[in-house]
Amino acid sequence: MNNQPPLPASLLSHAAAAYRKTRVATASDALLLVDVHDAAIACVLSPSAVTDAGHPLIRAHALITELQATLQPVHDQALAGELSHLYDQLLQRIVEAYLQEQPEPLMGVAAALRELRSAWWRVSH
C-alpha cells in the first residue's frame, strides 16, 4: 500500500494545464484539428448539452465556427467550399437542438465530426 498523501488538486490541475500548453505549442496543424474535433464531439455528446442552458452547445458552436474559419480555399477551393457547407449544416443542427431542447439532431453532428476527425487523424500520422 502507498502511504503517501495524494497530490493536491491544484498541483494536478497546473500540471495538466502545462501539458496542454506544451502539446498545443508542439503539435502539427492536423493534430490540433483532431483536438478541436474531439472537443466539439465531447460537447455535442455531453449529457447536459440541451439542458445546461446550452453551454456545451455554445462551446460546440464556437469550436465548429473556428474550424470553419481555418478553411483555406487557396489550397483547394472546392474542398473548402464543401467543408464550409458541411460546417454550416452542423451549426444549424446545433441551433435546432438547442431551440427544440432535443438531443436527436446532435447524433448526426457527432457522426460527421467523428468522420472528419478520423480523416485529420490519418493526415497527422
N, C-alpha and C. Protein backbone atom coordinates (compact mmCIF):
# COMPACT_ATOMS: atom_id res chain seq x y z
N MET A 1 0.83 -1.18 0.00
CA MET A 1 0.00 0.00 0.00
C MET A 1 0.87 1.24 0.00
N ASN A 2 0.35 2.27 -0.62
CA ASN A 2 1.05 3.54 -0.72
C ASN A 2 0.60 4.41 0.45
N ASN A 3 1.56 4.79 1.32
CA ASN A 3 1.23 5.59 2.49
C ASN A 3 1.45 7.07 2.26
N GLN A 4 1.74 7.45 1.03
CA GLN A 4 1.97 8.86 0.74
C GLN A 4 0.64 9.57 0.55
N PRO A 5 0.58 10.84 0.98
CA PRO A 5 -0.67 11.59 0.80
C PRO A 5 -0.90 11.86 -0.68
N PRO A 6 -2.16 12.00 -1.09
CA PRO A 6 -2.44 12.30 -2.50
C PRO A 6 -1.93 13.68 -2.88
N LEU A 7 -1.64 13.84 -4.15
CA LEU A 7 -1.19 15.14 -4.63
C LEU A 7 -2.34 16.13 -4.56
N PRO A 8 -2.03 17.38 -4.23
CA PRO A 8 -3.09 18.39 -4.19
C PRO A 8 -3.71 18.59 -5.57
N ALA A 9 -5.00 18.83 -5.59
CA ALA A 9 -5.73 19.01 -6.86
C ALA A 9 -5.17 20.19 -7.64
N SER A 10 -4.74 21.23 -6.95
CA SER A 10 -4.20 22.41 -7.65
C SER A 10 -2.92 22.07 -8.39
N LEU A 11 -2.09 21.20 -7.81
CA LEU A 11 -0.85 20.79 -8.47
C LEU A 11 -1.17 19.95 -9.70
N LEU A 12 -2.13 19.05 -9.57
CA LEU A 12 -2.52 18.23 -10.72
C LEU A 12 -3.12 19.10 -11.82
N SER A 13 -3.93 20.06 -11.46
CA SER A 13 -4.54 20.96 -12.43
C SER A 13 -3.46 21.78 -13.15
N HIS A 14 -2.49 22.26 -12.41
CA HIS A 14 -1.39 23.04 -13.00
C HIS A 14 -0.57 22.17 -13.96
N ALA A 15 -0.31 20.94 -13.56
CA ALA A 15 0.47 20.03 -14.41
C ALA A 15 -0.29 19.72 -15.70
N ALA A 16 -1.58 19.51 -15.59
CA ALA A 16 -2.40 19.23 -16.78
C ALA A 16 -2.41 20.43 -17.71
N ALA A 17 -2.53 21.63 -17.16
CA ALA A 17 -2.52 22.84 -17.98
C ALA A 17 -1.18 23.01 -18.69
N ALA A 18 -0.09 22.72 -17.99
CA ALA A 18 1.24 22.82 -18.60
C ALA A 18 1.39 21.81 -19.73
N TYR A 19 0.87 20.60 -19.53
CA TYR A 19 0.92 19.58 -20.58
C TYR A 19 0.14 20.04 -21.81
N ARG A 20 -1.08 20.57 -21.61
CA ARG A 20 -1.89 21.03 -22.74
C ARG A 20 -1.19 22.16 -23.48
N LYS A 21 -0.56 23.07 -22.75
CA LYS A 21 0.13 24.19 -23.38
C LYS A 21 1.30 23.69 -24.23
N THR A 22 2.05 22.74 -23.71
CA THR A 22 3.18 22.17 -24.45
C THR A 22 2.69 21.41 -25.67
N ARG A 23 1.61 20.66 -25.52
CA ARG A 23 1.06 19.90 -26.65
C ARG A 23 0.62 20.84 -27.77
N VAL A 24 -0.06 21.92 -27.43
CA VAL A 24 -0.51 22.87 -28.44
C VAL A 24 0.68 23.53 -29.13
N ALA A 25 1.71 23.84 -28.36
CA ALA A 25 2.88 24.52 -28.93
C ALA A 25 3.69 23.62 -29.85
N THR A 26 3.61 22.31 -29.65
CA THR A 26 4.45 21.40 -30.42
C THR A 26 3.69 20.53 -31.42
N ALA A 27 2.37 20.57 -31.40
CA ALA A 27 1.57 19.69 -32.26
C ALA A 27 1.51 20.21 -33.69
N SER A 28 1.34 19.29 -34.61
CA SER A 28 1.14 19.66 -36.01
C SER A 28 -0.24 20.28 -36.16
N ASP A 29 -0.45 21.00 -37.26
CA ASP A 29 -1.76 21.59 -37.52
C ASP A 29 -2.84 20.51 -37.58
N ALA A 30 -2.54 19.39 -38.21
CA ALA A 30 -3.52 18.31 -38.33
C ALA A 30 -3.88 17.76 -36.95
N LEU A 31 -2.90 17.62 -36.08
CA LEU A 31 -3.18 17.10 -34.75
C LEU A 31 -3.99 18.10 -33.92
N LEU A 32 -3.75 19.38 -34.13
CA LEU A 32 -4.57 20.39 -33.46
C LEU A 32 -6.01 20.32 -33.94
N LEU A 33 -6.21 20.07 -35.22
CA LEU A 33 -7.57 19.91 -35.75
C LEU A 33 -8.25 18.68 -35.15
N VAL A 34 -7.49 17.63 -34.92
CA VAL A 34 -8.02 16.44 -34.25
C VAL A 34 -8.51 16.83 -32.86
N ASP A 35 -7.70 17.59 -32.14
CA ASP A 35 -8.07 18.02 -30.78
C ASP A 35 -9.33 18.87 -30.77
N VAL A 36 -9.46 19.77 -31.74
CA VAL A 36 -10.65 20.62 -31.80
C VAL A 36 -11.88 19.78 -32.11
N HIS A 37 -11.74 18.82 -33.02
CA HIS A 37 -12.86 17.92 -33.31
C HIS A 37 -13.24 17.11 -32.07
N ASP A 38 -12.23 16.61 -31.34
CA ASP A 38 -12.51 15.86 -30.11
C ASP A 38 -13.30 16.71 -29.12
N ALA A 39 -12.90 17.96 -28.96
CA ALA A 39 -13.59 18.86 -28.03
C ALA A 39 -15.03 19.11 -28.48
N ALA A 40 -15.22 19.32 -29.76
CA ALA A 40 -16.58 19.57 -30.28
C ALA A 40 -17.46 18.33 -30.10
N ILE A 41 -16.90 17.16 -30.37
CA ILE A 41 -17.65 15.90 -30.19
C ILE A 41 -18.06 15.74 -28.73
N ALA A 42 -17.13 16.00 -27.82
CA ALA A 42 -17.44 15.88 -26.39
C ALA A 42 -18.57 16.84 -26.00
N CYS A 43 -18.57 18.02 -26.57
CA CYS A 43 -19.62 18.99 -26.25
C CYS A 43 -20.99 18.53 -26.73
N VAL A 44 -21.07 18.08 -27.99
CA VAL A 44 -22.39 17.70 -28.51
C VAL A 44 -22.90 16.41 -27.88
N LEU A 45 -22.00 15.58 -27.38
CA LEU A 45 -22.42 14.34 -26.73
C LEU A 45 -22.56 14.49 -25.22
N SER A 46 -22.31 15.67 -24.70
CA SER A 46 -22.45 15.92 -23.27
C SER A 46 -23.87 15.61 -22.83
N PRO A 47 -24.02 14.87 -21.73
CA PRO A 47 -25.37 14.57 -21.24
C PRO A 47 -26.19 15.82 -20.96
N SER A 48 -25.53 16.92 -20.68
CA SER A 48 -26.25 18.16 -20.37
C SER A 48 -26.27 19.13 -21.55
N ALA A 49 -26.00 18.63 -22.74
CA ALA A 49 -25.89 19.51 -23.91
C ALA A 49 -27.11 20.39 -24.11
N VAL A 50 -28.30 19.83 -23.99
CA VAL A 50 -29.51 20.63 -24.23
C VAL A 50 -30.17 21.11 -22.95
N THR A 51 -29.68 20.68 -21.79
CA THR A 51 -30.33 21.07 -20.54
C THR A 51 -29.54 22.09 -19.73
N ASP A 52 -28.25 22.15 -19.90
CA ASP A 52 -27.39 23.03 -19.09
C ASP A 52 -27.32 24.42 -19.70
N ALA A 53 -28.47 25.04 -19.91
CA ALA A 53 -28.56 26.38 -20.52
C ALA A 53 -27.81 26.43 -21.85
N GLY A 54 -27.60 25.27 -22.44
CA GLY A 54 -26.95 25.21 -23.74
C GLY A 54 -25.45 25.44 -23.73
N HIS A 55 -24.82 25.49 -22.56
CA HIS A 55 -23.39 25.79 -22.51
C HIS A 55 -22.54 24.85 -23.36
N PRO A 56 -22.74 23.53 -23.29
CA PRO A 56 -21.94 22.67 -24.17
C PRO A 56 -22.19 22.95 -25.65
N LEU A 57 -23.44 23.28 -25.99
CA LEU A 57 -23.75 23.57 -27.39
C LEU A 57 -23.16 24.90 -27.84
N ILE A 58 -23.13 25.86 -26.95
CA ILE A 58 -22.49 27.15 -27.28
C ILE A 58 -21.02 26.92 -27.55
N ARG A 59 -20.38 26.09 -26.73
CA ARG A 59 -18.95 25.78 -26.94
C ARG A 59 -18.76 25.01 -28.24
N ALA A 60 -19.62 24.03 -28.51
CA ALA A 60 -19.52 23.26 -29.76
C ALA A 60 -19.69 24.19 -30.96
N HIS A 61 -20.65 25.10 -30.87
CA HIS A 61 -20.88 26.06 -31.95
C HIS A 61 -19.63 26.89 -32.19
N ALA A 62 -19.01 27.36 -31.12
CA ALA A 62 -17.79 28.17 -31.25
C ALA A 62 -16.65 27.36 -31.85
N LEU A 63 -16.51 26.10 -31.44
CA LEU A 63 -15.44 25.26 -31.98
C LEU A 63 -15.63 25.00 -33.47
N ILE A 64 -16.85 24.71 -33.88
CA ILE A 64 -17.11 24.45 -35.30
C ILE A 64 -16.94 25.73 -36.11
N THR A 65 -17.35 26.85 -35.55
CA THR A 65 -17.14 28.13 -36.22
C THR A 65 -15.64 28.38 -36.41
N GLU A 66 -14.84 28.02 -35.42
CA GLU A 66 -13.39 28.16 -35.54
C GLU A 66 -12.83 27.24 -36.61
N LEU A 67 -13.33 26.01 -36.66
CA LEU A 67 -12.89 25.09 -37.73
C LEU A 67 -13.22 25.67 -39.10
N GLN A 68 -14.40 26.24 -39.22
CA GLN A 68 -14.82 26.84 -40.49
C GLN A 68 -13.92 28.02 -40.84
N ALA A 69 -13.53 28.79 -39.85
CA ALA A 69 -12.69 29.97 -40.09
C ALA A 69 -11.27 29.59 -40.53
N THR A 70 -10.84 28.36 -40.22
CA THR A 70 -9.49 27.95 -40.60
C THR A 70 -9.39 27.39 -42.01
N LEU A 71 -10.54 27.23 -42.67
CA LEU A 71 -10.51 26.71 -44.04
C LEU A 71 -9.71 27.65 -44.94
N GLN A 72 -8.93 27.05 -45.82
CA GLN A 72 -8.07 27.84 -46.71
C GLN A 72 -8.40 27.51 -48.16
N PRO A 73 -9.30 28.28 -48.76
CA PRO A 73 -9.70 28.00 -50.14
C PRO A 73 -8.56 28.14 -51.13
N VAL A 74 -7.48 28.78 -50.74
CA VAL A 74 -6.32 28.95 -51.63
C VAL A 74 -5.74 27.58 -52.01
N HIS A 75 -5.77 26.64 -51.07
CA HIS A 75 -5.19 25.32 -51.32
C HIS A 75 -6.12 24.43 -52.14
N ASP A 76 -7.42 24.46 -51.85
CA ASP A 76 -8.38 23.65 -52.58
C ASP A 76 -9.75 24.29 -52.39
N GLN A 77 -10.11 25.12 -53.35
CA GLN A 77 -11.33 25.91 -53.24
C GLN A 77 -12.58 25.03 -53.15
N ALA A 78 -12.63 23.96 -53.93
CA ALA A 78 -13.79 23.07 -53.92
C ALA A 78 -13.95 22.39 -52.57
N LEU A 79 -12.86 21.86 -52.03
CA LEU A 79 -12.90 21.19 -50.74
C LEU A 79 -13.29 22.17 -49.63
N ALA A 80 -12.69 23.35 -49.65
CA ALA A 80 -13.02 24.36 -48.64
C ALA A 80 -14.50 24.72 -48.71
N GLY A 81 -15.04 24.82 -49.91
CA GLY A 81 -16.46 25.14 -50.07
C GLY A 81 -17.35 24.04 -49.53
N GLU A 82 -16.99 22.78 -49.81
CA GLU A 82 -17.78 21.65 -49.32
C GLU A 82 -17.73 21.57 -47.80
N LEU A 83 -16.54 21.76 -47.24
CA LEU A 83 -16.41 21.72 -45.78
C LEU A 83 -17.17 22.87 -45.13
N SER A 84 -17.10 24.04 -45.74
CA SER A 84 -17.82 25.19 -45.20
C SER A 84 -19.32 24.92 -45.19
N HIS A 85 -19.82 24.33 -46.27
CA HIS A 85 -21.25 23.98 -46.34
C HIS A 85 -21.60 22.96 -45.27
N LEU A 86 -20.75 21.95 -45.08
CA LEU A 86 -20.98 20.94 -44.05
C LEU A 86 -20.99 21.59 -42.67
N TYR A 87 -20.02 22.45 -42.40
CA TYR A 87 -19.98 23.13 -41.10
C TYR A 87 -21.24 23.97 -40.89
N ASP A 88 -21.74 24.63 -41.95
CA ASP A 88 -22.99 25.39 -41.84
C ASP A 88 -24.14 24.48 -41.42
N GLN A 89 -24.21 23.29 -42.02
CA GLN A 89 -25.27 22.35 -41.68
C GLN A 89 -25.15 21.88 -40.22
N LEU A 90 -23.91 21.63 -39.78
CA LEU A 90 -23.70 21.19 -38.40
C LEU A 90 -24.10 22.29 -37.42
N LEU A 91 -23.74 23.52 -37.76
CA LEU A 91 -24.12 24.65 -36.90
C LEU A 91 -25.63 24.80 -36.83
N GLN A 92 -26.30 24.60 -37.96
CA GLN A 92 -27.76 24.69 -37.99
C GLN A 92 -28.38 23.61 -37.10
N ARG A 93 -27.85 22.41 -37.16
CA ARG A 93 -28.39 21.32 -36.33
C ARG A 93 -28.17 21.59 -34.84
N ILE A 94 -27.04 22.20 -34.51
CA ILE A 94 -26.79 22.55 -33.11
C ILE A 94 -27.82 23.57 -32.63
N VAL A 95 -28.10 24.56 -33.45
CA VAL A 95 -29.10 25.57 -33.09
C VAL A 95 -30.47 24.92 -32.95
N GLU A 96 -30.83 24.02 -33.87
CA GLU A 96 -32.10 23.31 -33.78
C GLU A 96 -32.20 22.51 -32.48
N ALA A 97 -31.14 21.80 -32.14
CA ALA A 97 -31.15 21.00 -30.90
C ALA A 97 -31.33 21.90 -29.69
N TYR A 98 -30.67 23.04 -29.72
CA TYR A 98 -30.79 23.98 -28.61
C TYR A 98 -32.20 24.54 -28.50
N LEU A 99 -32.76 24.99 -29.62
CA LEU A 99 -34.08 25.61 -29.60
C LEU A 99 -35.18 24.60 -29.25
N GLN A 100 -35.03 23.37 -29.75
CA GLN A 100 -36.03 22.34 -29.50
C GLN A 100 -35.78 21.59 -28.19
N GLU A 101 -34.62 21.84 -27.60
CA GLU A 101 -34.20 21.11 -26.39
C GLU A 101 -34.30 19.60 -26.61
N GLN A 102 -33.84 19.19 -27.78
CA GLN A 102 -33.86 17.77 -28.17
C GLN A 102 -32.46 17.37 -28.63
N PRO A 103 -31.92 16.29 -28.08
CA PRO A 103 -30.56 15.88 -28.45
C PRO A 103 -30.45 15.14 -29.78
N GLU A 104 -31.56 14.74 -30.37
CA GLU A 104 -31.50 13.91 -31.59
C GLU A 104 -30.69 14.54 -32.72
N PRO A 105 -30.86 15.84 -33.03
CA PRO A 105 -30.06 16.41 -34.13
C PRO A 105 -28.55 16.34 -33.87
N LEU A 106 -28.18 16.18 -32.60
CA LEU A 106 -26.76 16.16 -32.25
C LEU A 106 -26.08 14.86 -32.63
N MET A 107 -26.85 13.78 -32.79
CA MET A 107 -26.25 12.50 -33.16
C MET A 107 -25.61 12.60 -34.55
N GLY A 108 -26.29 13.27 -35.47
CA GLY A 108 -25.73 13.47 -36.81
C GLY A 108 -24.52 14.39 -36.78
N VAL A 109 -24.56 15.39 -35.91
CA VAL A 109 -23.41 16.30 -35.76
C VAL A 109 -22.21 15.52 -35.26
N ALA A 110 -22.41 14.71 -34.24
CA ALA A 110 -21.31 13.91 -33.69
C ALA A 110 -20.75 12.95 -34.74
N ALA A 111 -21.62 12.32 -35.50
CA ALA A 111 -21.17 11.37 -36.53
C ALA A 111 -20.32 12.07 -37.59
N ALA A 112 -20.77 13.23 -38.04
CA ALA A 112 -20.00 13.97 -39.05
C ALA A 112 -18.66 14.43 -38.48
N LEU A 113 -18.66 14.91 -37.25
CA LEU A 113 -17.41 15.36 -36.63
C LEU A 113 -16.44 14.19 -36.44
N ARG A 114 -16.98 13.02 -36.10
CA ARG A 114 -16.11 11.84 -35.95
C ARG A 114 -15.45 11.47 -37.28
N GLU A 115 -16.22 11.55 -38.36
CA GLU A 115 -15.68 11.22 -39.67
C GLU A 115 -14.57 12.20 -40.06
N LEU A 116 -14.82 13.49 -39.84
CA LEU A 116 -13.80 14.50 -40.14
C LEU A 116 -12.57 14.31 -39.24
N ARG A 117 -12.81 14.01 -37.97
CA ARG A 117 -11.72 13.79 -37.03
C ARG A 117 -10.85 12.62 -37.49
N SER A 118 -11.50 11.57 -37.94
CA SER A 118 -10.78 10.39 -38.42
C SER A 118 -9.87 10.74 -39.61
N ALA A 119 -10.39 11.56 -40.50
CA ALA A 119 -9.58 11.98 -41.66
C ALA A 119 -8.37 12.78 -41.21
N TRP A 120 -8.56 13.73 -40.28
CA TRP A 120 -7.44 14.53 -39.79
C TRP A 120 -6.45 13.67 -39.01
N TRP A 121 -6.95 12.65 -38.30
CA TRP A 121 -6.06 11.75 -37.57
C TRP A 121 -5.15 11.01 -38.55
N ARG A 122 -5.72 10.54 -39.66
CA ARG A 122 -4.91 9.84 -40.66
C ARG A 122 -3.86 10.77 -41.26
N VAL A 123 -4.23 12.03 -41.48
CA VAL A 123 -3.28 13.01 -42.03
C VAL A 123 -2.15 13.29 -41.04
N SER A 124 -2.48 13.28 -39.75
CA SER A 124 -1.49 13.66 -38.73
C SER A 124 -0.49 12.53 -38.43
N HIS A 125 -0.78 11.31 -38.91
CA HIS A 125 0.11 10.18 -38.60
C HIS A 125 0.68 9.55 -39.84
